[in-house]
Amino acid sequence: MLKHLPNCLTISRIILAFIFPFAPEHYRLVIVLVALATEYLDGALSRWLNWGSPLGALLDPVADKCFVLAVALVMFVETEIAWWQFLLFGAREIAVFCGASFIAWEKNWRAFFNVVPRIPGKVATVFQFLVFLCFVGLEAIPQWLLILAIISSVLSAIDYTFLFFKNNFYRAMKNQA
């Protein structure tokens, strides 16, 4: 039963993503902190205790994209962030979503599960959550932090795009299925 805990944590992050836009402002910090904890713990438990699963490998990036999108949209609506900053802030999510969608469209499931978290993506996640914490905790986002988050997100998008083409994930591996 405990081996399903990482998936439960991941699913809770998806639920938090749907709650965040409608939550009163005084609950937002708690929501971001809980999401941050689930972001860390689901992967850590999967690795440390070998509780990883194909479902978890599928749900974790979905939960990440849902939560980042939910908070970033609220941030975009409630702050002075320009549309182009919003798009660049989410560059990694856009690149991963497009790549995963194409892989799924091609039914290249083996390639889909070969895409693993990468260091630039983890760095982008750290900066995104720091921006989120400033947004909900300080109600102000330092410009330098937003710039670092954007740069790390763009670099991560480039890294994932390079990985996509380097490994020919855009070609269905029908002969290997």
C-alpha atoms as a PDB file:
ATOM      1  CA  MET A   1       0.000   0.000   0.000  1.00  0.00           C
ATOM      2  CA  LEU A   2       2.791   2.464   0.855  1.00  0.00           C
ATOM      3  CA  LYS A   3       4.379   1.886  -2.559  1.00  0.00           C
ATOM      4  CA  HIS A   4       1.511   3.952  -4.027  1.00  0.00           C
ATOM      5  CA  LEU A   5       2.375   6.969  -1.873  1.00  0.00           C
ATOM      6  CA  PRO A   6       4.453   8.702  -4.582  1.00  0.00           C
ATOM      7  CA  ASN A   7       1.507   8.484  -7.015  1.00  0.00           C
ATOM      8  CA  CYS A   8      -0.853   9.811  -4.335  1.00  0.00           C
ATOM      9  CA  LEU A   9       1.477  12.755  -3.747  1.00  0.00           C
ATOM     10  CA  THR A  10       1.607  13.426  -7.478  1.00  0.00           C
ATOM     11  CA  ILE A  11      -2.177  13.294  -7.779  1.00  0.00           C
ATOM     12  CA  SER A  12      -2.477  15.691  -4.853  1.00  0.00           C
ATOM     13  CA  ARG A  13      -0.362  18.187  -6.839  1.00  0.00           C
ATOM     14  CA  ILE A  14      -2.805  17.916  -9.756  1.00  0.00           C
ATOM     15  CA  ILE A  15      -5.669  18.602  -7.344  1.00  0.00           C
ATOM     16  CA  LEU A  16      -3.773  21.580  -5.888  1.00  0.00           C
ATOM     17  CA  ALA A  17      -3.298  22.928  -9.409  1.00  0.00           C
ATOM     18  CA  PHE A  18      -7.051  22.998  -9.906  1.00  0.00           C
ATOM     19  CA  ILE A  19      -7.685  24.510  -6.463  1.00  0.00           C
ATOM     20  CA  PHE A  20      -5.017  27.251  -6.627  1.00  0.00           C
ATOM     21  CA  PRO A  21      -6.760  29.713  -8.985  1.00  0.00           C
ATOM     22  CA  PHE A  22      -9.885  29.707  -6.801  1.00  0.00           C
ATOM     23  CA  ALA A  23      -8.202  29.649  -3.402  1.00  0.00           C
ATOM     24  CA  PRO A  24      -8.346  32.723  -1.189  1.00  0.00           C
ATOM     25  CA  GLU A  25      -5.045  34.599  -1.218  1.00  0.00           C
ATOM     26  CA  HIS A  26      -4.244  33.695   2.392  1.00  0.00           C
ATOM     27  CA  TYR A  27      -4.204  29.982   1.448  1.00  0.00           C
ATOM     28  CA  ARG A  28      -1.954  30.327  -1.577  1.00  0.00           C
ATOM     29  CA  LEU A  29       1.338  30.142   0.305  1.00  0.00           C
ATOM     30  CA  VAL A  30       0.286  26.897   1.974  1.00  0.00           C
ATOM     31  CA  ILE A  31      -0.786  25.456  -1.382  1.00  0.00           C
ATOM     32  CA  VAL A  32       2.556  26.326  -2.997  1.00  0.00           C
ATOM     33  CA  LEU A  33       4.499  24.894  -0.047  1.00  0.00           C
ATOM     34  CA  VAL A  34       2.497  21.657  -0.117  1.00  0.00           C
ATOM     35  CA  ALA A  35       2.955  21.399  -3.896  1.00  0.00           C
ATOM     36  CA  LEU A  36       6.683  21.988  -3.461  1.00  0.00           C
ATOM     37  CA  ALA A  37       6.838  19.241  -0.838  1.00  0.00           C
ATOM     38  CA  THR A  38       4.962  16.798  -3.094  1.00  0.00           C
ATOM     39  CA  GLU A  39       7.220  17.752  -6.006  1.00  0.00           C
ATOM     40  CA  TYR A  40      10.217  16.696  -3.967  1.00  0.00           C
ATOM     41  CA  LEU A  41       8.795  13.755  -2.040  1.00  0.00           C
ATOM     42  CA  ASP A  42       7.136  11.866  -4.882  1.00  0.00           C
ATOM     43  CA  GLY A  43      10.408  11.583  -6.785  1.00  0.00           C
ATOM     44  CA  ALA A  44      12.533  11.033  -3.685  1.00  0.00           C
ATOM     45  CA  LEU A  45      10.358   8.205  -2.399  1.00  0.00           C
ATOM     46  CA  SER A  46      10.247   6.618  -5.847  1.00  0.00           C
ATOM     47  CA  ARG A  47      14.037   6.649  -6.094  1.00  0.00           C
ATOM     48  CA  TRP A  48      14.976   5.871  -2.492  1.00  0.00           C
ATOM     49  CA  LEU A  49      12.507   3.061  -1.947  1.00  0.00           C
ATOM     50  CA  ASN A  50      12.240   1.849  -5.537  1.00  0.00           C
ATOM     51  CA  TRP A  51       8.526   2.693  -5.584  1.00  0.00           C
ATOM     52  CA  GLY A  52       8.577   4.097  -9.115  1.00  0.00           C
ATOM     53  CA  SER A  53       5.876   3.038 -11.540  1.00  0.00           C
ATOM     54  CA  PRO A  54       4.920   3.685 -15.171  1.00  0.00           C
ATOM     55  CA  LEU A  55       1.851   5.533 -13.900  1.00  0.00           C
ATOM     56  CA  GLY A  56       4.043   7.757 -11.741  1.00  0.00           C
ATOM     57  CA  ALA A  57       6.405   8.393 -14.667  1.00  0.00           C
ATOM     58  CA  LEU A  58       3.392   9.550 -16.667  1.00  0.00           C
ATOM     59  CA  LEU A  59       1.612  11.520 -13.935  1.00  0.00           C
ATOM     60  CA  ASP A  60       4.573  13.417 -12.476  1.00  0.00           C
ATOM     61  CA  PRO A  61       5.278  15.616 -15.511  1.00  0.00           C
ATOM     62  CA  VAL A  62       1.529  16.133 -15.978  1.00  0.00           C
ATOM     63  CA  ALA A  63       1.237  17.291 -12.367  1.00  0.00           C
ATOM     64  CA  ASP A  64       4.232  19.588 -12.827  1.00  0.00           C
ATOM     65  CA  LYS A  65       2.761  21.181 -15.947  1.00  0.00           C
ATOM     66  CA  CYS A  66      -0.685  21.581 -14.355  1.00  0.00           C
ATOM     67  CA  PHE A  67       0.662  23.231 -11.223  1.00  0.00           C
ATOM     68  CA  VAL A  68       3.086  25.552 -13.008  1.00  0.00           C
ATOM     69  CA  LEU A  69       0.381  26.573 -15.472  1.00  0.00           C
ATOM     70  CA  ALA A  70      -2.178  27.235 -12.731  1.00  0.00           C
ATOM     71  CA  VAL A  71       0.103  29.423 -10.640  1.00  0.00           C
ATOM     72  CA  ALA A  72       1.703  31.136 -13.648  1.00  0.00           C
ATOM     73  CA  LEU A  73      -1.729  32.027 -15.072  1.00  0.00           C
ATOM     74  CA  VAL A  74      -2.823  33.567 -11.777  1.00  0.00           C
ATOM     75  CA  MET A  75       0.518  35.387 -11.585  1.00  0.00           C
ATOM     76  CA  PHE A  76       0.068  36.673 -15.143  1.00  0.00           C
ATOM     77  CA  VAL A  77      -3.436  37.955 -14.403  1.00  0.00           C
ATOM     78  CA  GLU A  78      -2.556  39.555 -11.068  1.00  0.00           C
ATOM     79  CA  THR A  79       0.865  41.089 -11.795  1.00  0.00           C
ATOM     80  CA  GLU A  80       2.574  43.209 -14.407  1.00  0.00           C
ATOM     81  CA  ILE A  81       4.219  40.229 -16.128  1.00  0.00           C
ATOM     82  CA  ALA A  82       4.133  40.707 -19.905  1.00  0.00           C
ATOM     83  CA  TRP A  83       2.728  37.975 -22.161  1.00  0.00           C
ATOM     84  CA  TRP A  84       6.171  37.261 -23.615  1.00  0.00           C
ATOM     85  CA  GLN A  85       7.634  36.860 -20.111  1.00  0.00           C
ATOM     86  CA  PHE A  86       4.792  34.463 -19.305  1.00  0.00           C
ATOM     87  CA  LEU A  87       5.570  32.378 -22.410  1.00  0.00           C
ATOM     88  CA  LEU A  88       9.313  32.328 -21.729  1.00  0.00           C
ATOM     89  CA  PHE A  89       8.673  31.490 -18.058  1.00  0.00           C
ATOM     90  CA  GLY A  90       6.780  28.429 -19.271  1.00  0.00           C
ATOM     91  CA  ALA A  91       9.176  27.572 -22.132  1.00  0.00           C
ATOM     92  CA  ARG A  92      10.222  24.278 -20.537  1.00  0.00           C
ATOM     93  CA  GLU A  93       6.610  23.231 -19.976  1.00  0.00           C
ATOM     94  CA  ILE A  94       5.729  24.153 -23.546  1.00  0.00           C
ATOM     95  CA  ALA A  95       8.701  22.243 -24.985  1.00  0.00           C
ATOM     96  CA  VAL A  96       8.061  19.139 -22.879  1.00  0.00           C
ATOM     97  CA  PHE A  97       4.320  19.225 -23.582  1.00  0.00           C
ATOM     98  CA  CYS A  98       4.888  19.541 -27.343  1.00  0.00           C
ATOM     99  CA  GLY A  99       7.494  16.772 -27.369  1.00  0.00           C
ATOM    100  CA  ALA A 100       5.373  14.451 -25.223  1.00  0.00           C
ATOM    101  CA  SER A 101       2.296  15.155 -27.331  1.00  0.00           C
ATOM    102  CA  PHE A 102       4.168  14.319 -30.508  1.00  0.00           C
ATOM    103  CA  ILE A 103       5.595  11.138 -29.000  1.00  0.00           C
ATOM    104  CA  ALA A 104       2.101  10.114 -27.846  1.00  0.00           C
ATOM    105  CA  TRP A 105       0.641  10.972 -31.258  1.00  0.00           C
ATOM    106  CA  GLU A 106       3.231   8.721 -32.878  1.00  0.00           C
ATOM    107  CA  LYS A 107       2.491   6.058 -30.247  1.00  0.00           C
ATOM    108  CA  ASN A 108       6.203   5.921 -29.487  1.00  0.00           C
ATOM    109  CA  TRP A 109       5.669   4.840 -25.867  1.00  0.00           C
ATOM    110  CA  ARG A 110       9.172   3.477 -25.365  1.00  0.00           C
ATOM    111  CA  ALA A 111      10.610   6.896 -26.210  1.00  0.00           C
ATOM    112  CA  PHE A 112       8.068   8.540 -23.927  1.00  0.00           C
ATOM    113  CA  PHE A 113       9.326   6.604 -20.908  1.00  0.00           C
ATOM    114  CA  ASN A 114      12.969   7.189 -21.900  1.00  0.00           C
ATOM    115  CA  VAL A 115      12.610  10.930 -21.283  1.00  0.00           C
ATOM    116  CA  VAL A 116      13.899  11.417 -17.763  1.00  0.00           C
ATOM    117  CA  PRO A 117      14.207  14.526 -15.601  1.00  0.00           C
ATOM    118  CA  ARG A 118      17.332  16.497 -16.434  1.00  0.00           C
ATOM    119  CA  ILE A 119      19.450  18.912 -14.409  1.00  0.00           C
ATOM    120  CA  PRO A 120      18.424  22.039 -16.400  1.00  0.00           C
ATOM    121  CA  GLY A 121      14.782  21.093 -15.820  1.00  0.00           C
ATOM    122  CA  LYS A 122      15.343  20.692 -12.094  1.00  0.00           C
ATOM    123  CA  VAL A 123      17.086  24.088 -11.961  1.00  0.00           C
ATOM    124  CA  ALA A 124      14.147  25.653 -13.825  1.00  0.00           C
ATOM    125  CA  THR A 125      11.743  24.075 -11.317  1.00  0.00           C
ATOM    126  CA  VAL A 126      13.700  25.557  -8.402  1.00  0.00           C
ATOM    127  CA  PHE A 127      13.563  29.052  -9.907  1.00  0.00           C
ATOM    128  CA  GLN A 128       9.891  28.704 -10.818  1.00  0.00           C
ATOM    129  CA  PHE A 129       8.999  27.718  -7.261  1.00  0.00           C
ATOM    130  CA  LEU A 130      11.105  30.588  -5.889  1.00  0.00           C
ATOM    131  CA  VAL A 131       9.115  32.956  -8.113  1.00  0.00           C
ATOM    132  CA  PHE A 132       5.870  31.349  -6.918  1.00  0.00           C
ATOM    133  CA  LEU A 133       6.925  31.683  -3.273  1.00  0.00           C
ATOM    134  CA  CYS A 134       7.728  35.366  -3.780  1.00  0.00           C
ATOM    135  CA  PHE A 135       4.416  35.878  -5.581  1.00  0.00           C
ATOM    136  CA  VAL A 136       2.305  34.313  -2.838  1.00  0.00           C
ATOM    137  CA  GLY A 137       4.494  35.096   0.186  1.00  0.00           C
ATOM    138  CA  LEU A 138       5.867  38.534  -0.562  1.00  0.00           C
ATOM    139  CA  GLU A 139       3.265  39.582  -3.125  1.00  0.00           C
ATOM    140  CA  ALA A 140       6.170  40.871  -5.207  1.00  0.00           C
ATOM    141  CA  ILE A 141       8.480  39.138  -7.648  1.00  0.00           C
ATOM    142  CA  PRO A 142      12.031  40.485  -7.793  1.00  0.00           C
ATOM    143  CA  GLN A 143      12.874  41.220 -11.425  1.00  0.00           C
ATOM    144  CA  TRP A 144      16.253  39.469 -11.149  1.00  0.00           C
ATOM    145  CA  LEU A 145      14.533  36.285  -9.943  1.00  0.00           C
ATOM    146  CA  LEU A 146      11.995  36.381 -12.769  1.00  0.00           C
ATOM    147  CA  ILE A 147      14.864  36.811 -15.242  1.00  0.00           C
ATOM    148  CA  LEU A 148      16.731  33.817 -13.754  1.00  0.00           C
ATOM    149  CA  ALA A 149      13.551  31.742 -13.904  1.00  0.00           C
ATOM    150  CA  ILE A 150      13.014  32.702 -17.536  1.00  0.00           C
ATOM    151  CA  ILE A 151      16.627  31.973 -18.492  1.00  0.00           C
ATOM    152  CA  SER A 152      16.602  28.596 -16.746  1.00  0.00           C
ATOM    153  CA  SER A 153      13.265  27.701 -18.339  1.00  0.00           C
ATOM    154  CA  VAL A 154      14.489  28.609 -21.829  1.00  0.00           C
ATOM    155  CA  LEU A 155      17.756  26.703 -21.325  1.00  0.00           C
ATOM    156  CA  SER A 156      15.794  23.698 -20.100  1.00  0.00           C
ATOM    157  CA  ALA A 157      13.500  23.913 -23.142  1.00  0.00           C
ATOM    158  CA  ILE A 158      16.557  23.962 -25.394  1.00  0.00           C
ATOM    159  CA  ASP A 159      18.012  20.982 -23.517  1.00  0.00           C
ATOM    160  CA  TYR A 160      14.808  18.925 -23.860  1.00  0.00           C
ATOM    161  CA  THR A 161      14.462  19.913 -27.530  1.00  0.00           C
ATOM    162  CA  PHE A 162      18.057  18.834 -28.163  1.00  0.00           C
ATOM    163  CA  LEU A 163      17.374  15.541 -26.377  1.00  0.00           C
ATOM    164  CA  PHE A 164      14.223  15.049 -28.461  1.00  0.00           C
ATOM    165  CA  PHE A 165      16.110  15.379 -31.749  1.00  0.00           C
ATOM    166  CA  LYS A 166      19.319  13.688 -30.594  1.00  0.00           C
ATOM    167  CA  ASN A 167      17.433  10.529 -29.648  1.00  0.00           C
ATOM    168  CA  ASN A 168      15.117  10.625 -32.658  1.00  0.00           C
ATOM    169  CA  PHE A 169      12.072  10.642 -30.375  1.00  0.00           C
ATOM    170  CA  TYR A 170      10.170  12.136 -33.300  1.00  0.00           C
ATOM    171  CA  ARG A 171      10.432   8.848 -35.170  1.00  0.00           C
ATOM    172  CA  ALA A 172       8.127   6.049 -34.125  1.00  0.00           C
ATOM    173  CA  MET A 173      10.063   2.962 -33.087  1.00  0.00           C
ATOM    174  CA  LYS A 174       7.485   0.577 -34.513  1.00  0.00           C
ATOM    175  CA  ASN A 175      10.095  -2.084 -35.172  1.00  0.00           C
ATOM    176  CA  GLN A 176      11.007  -2.131 -31.468  1.00  0.00           C
ATOM    177  CA  ALA A 177       7.444  -2.401 -30.170  1.00  0.00           C
END
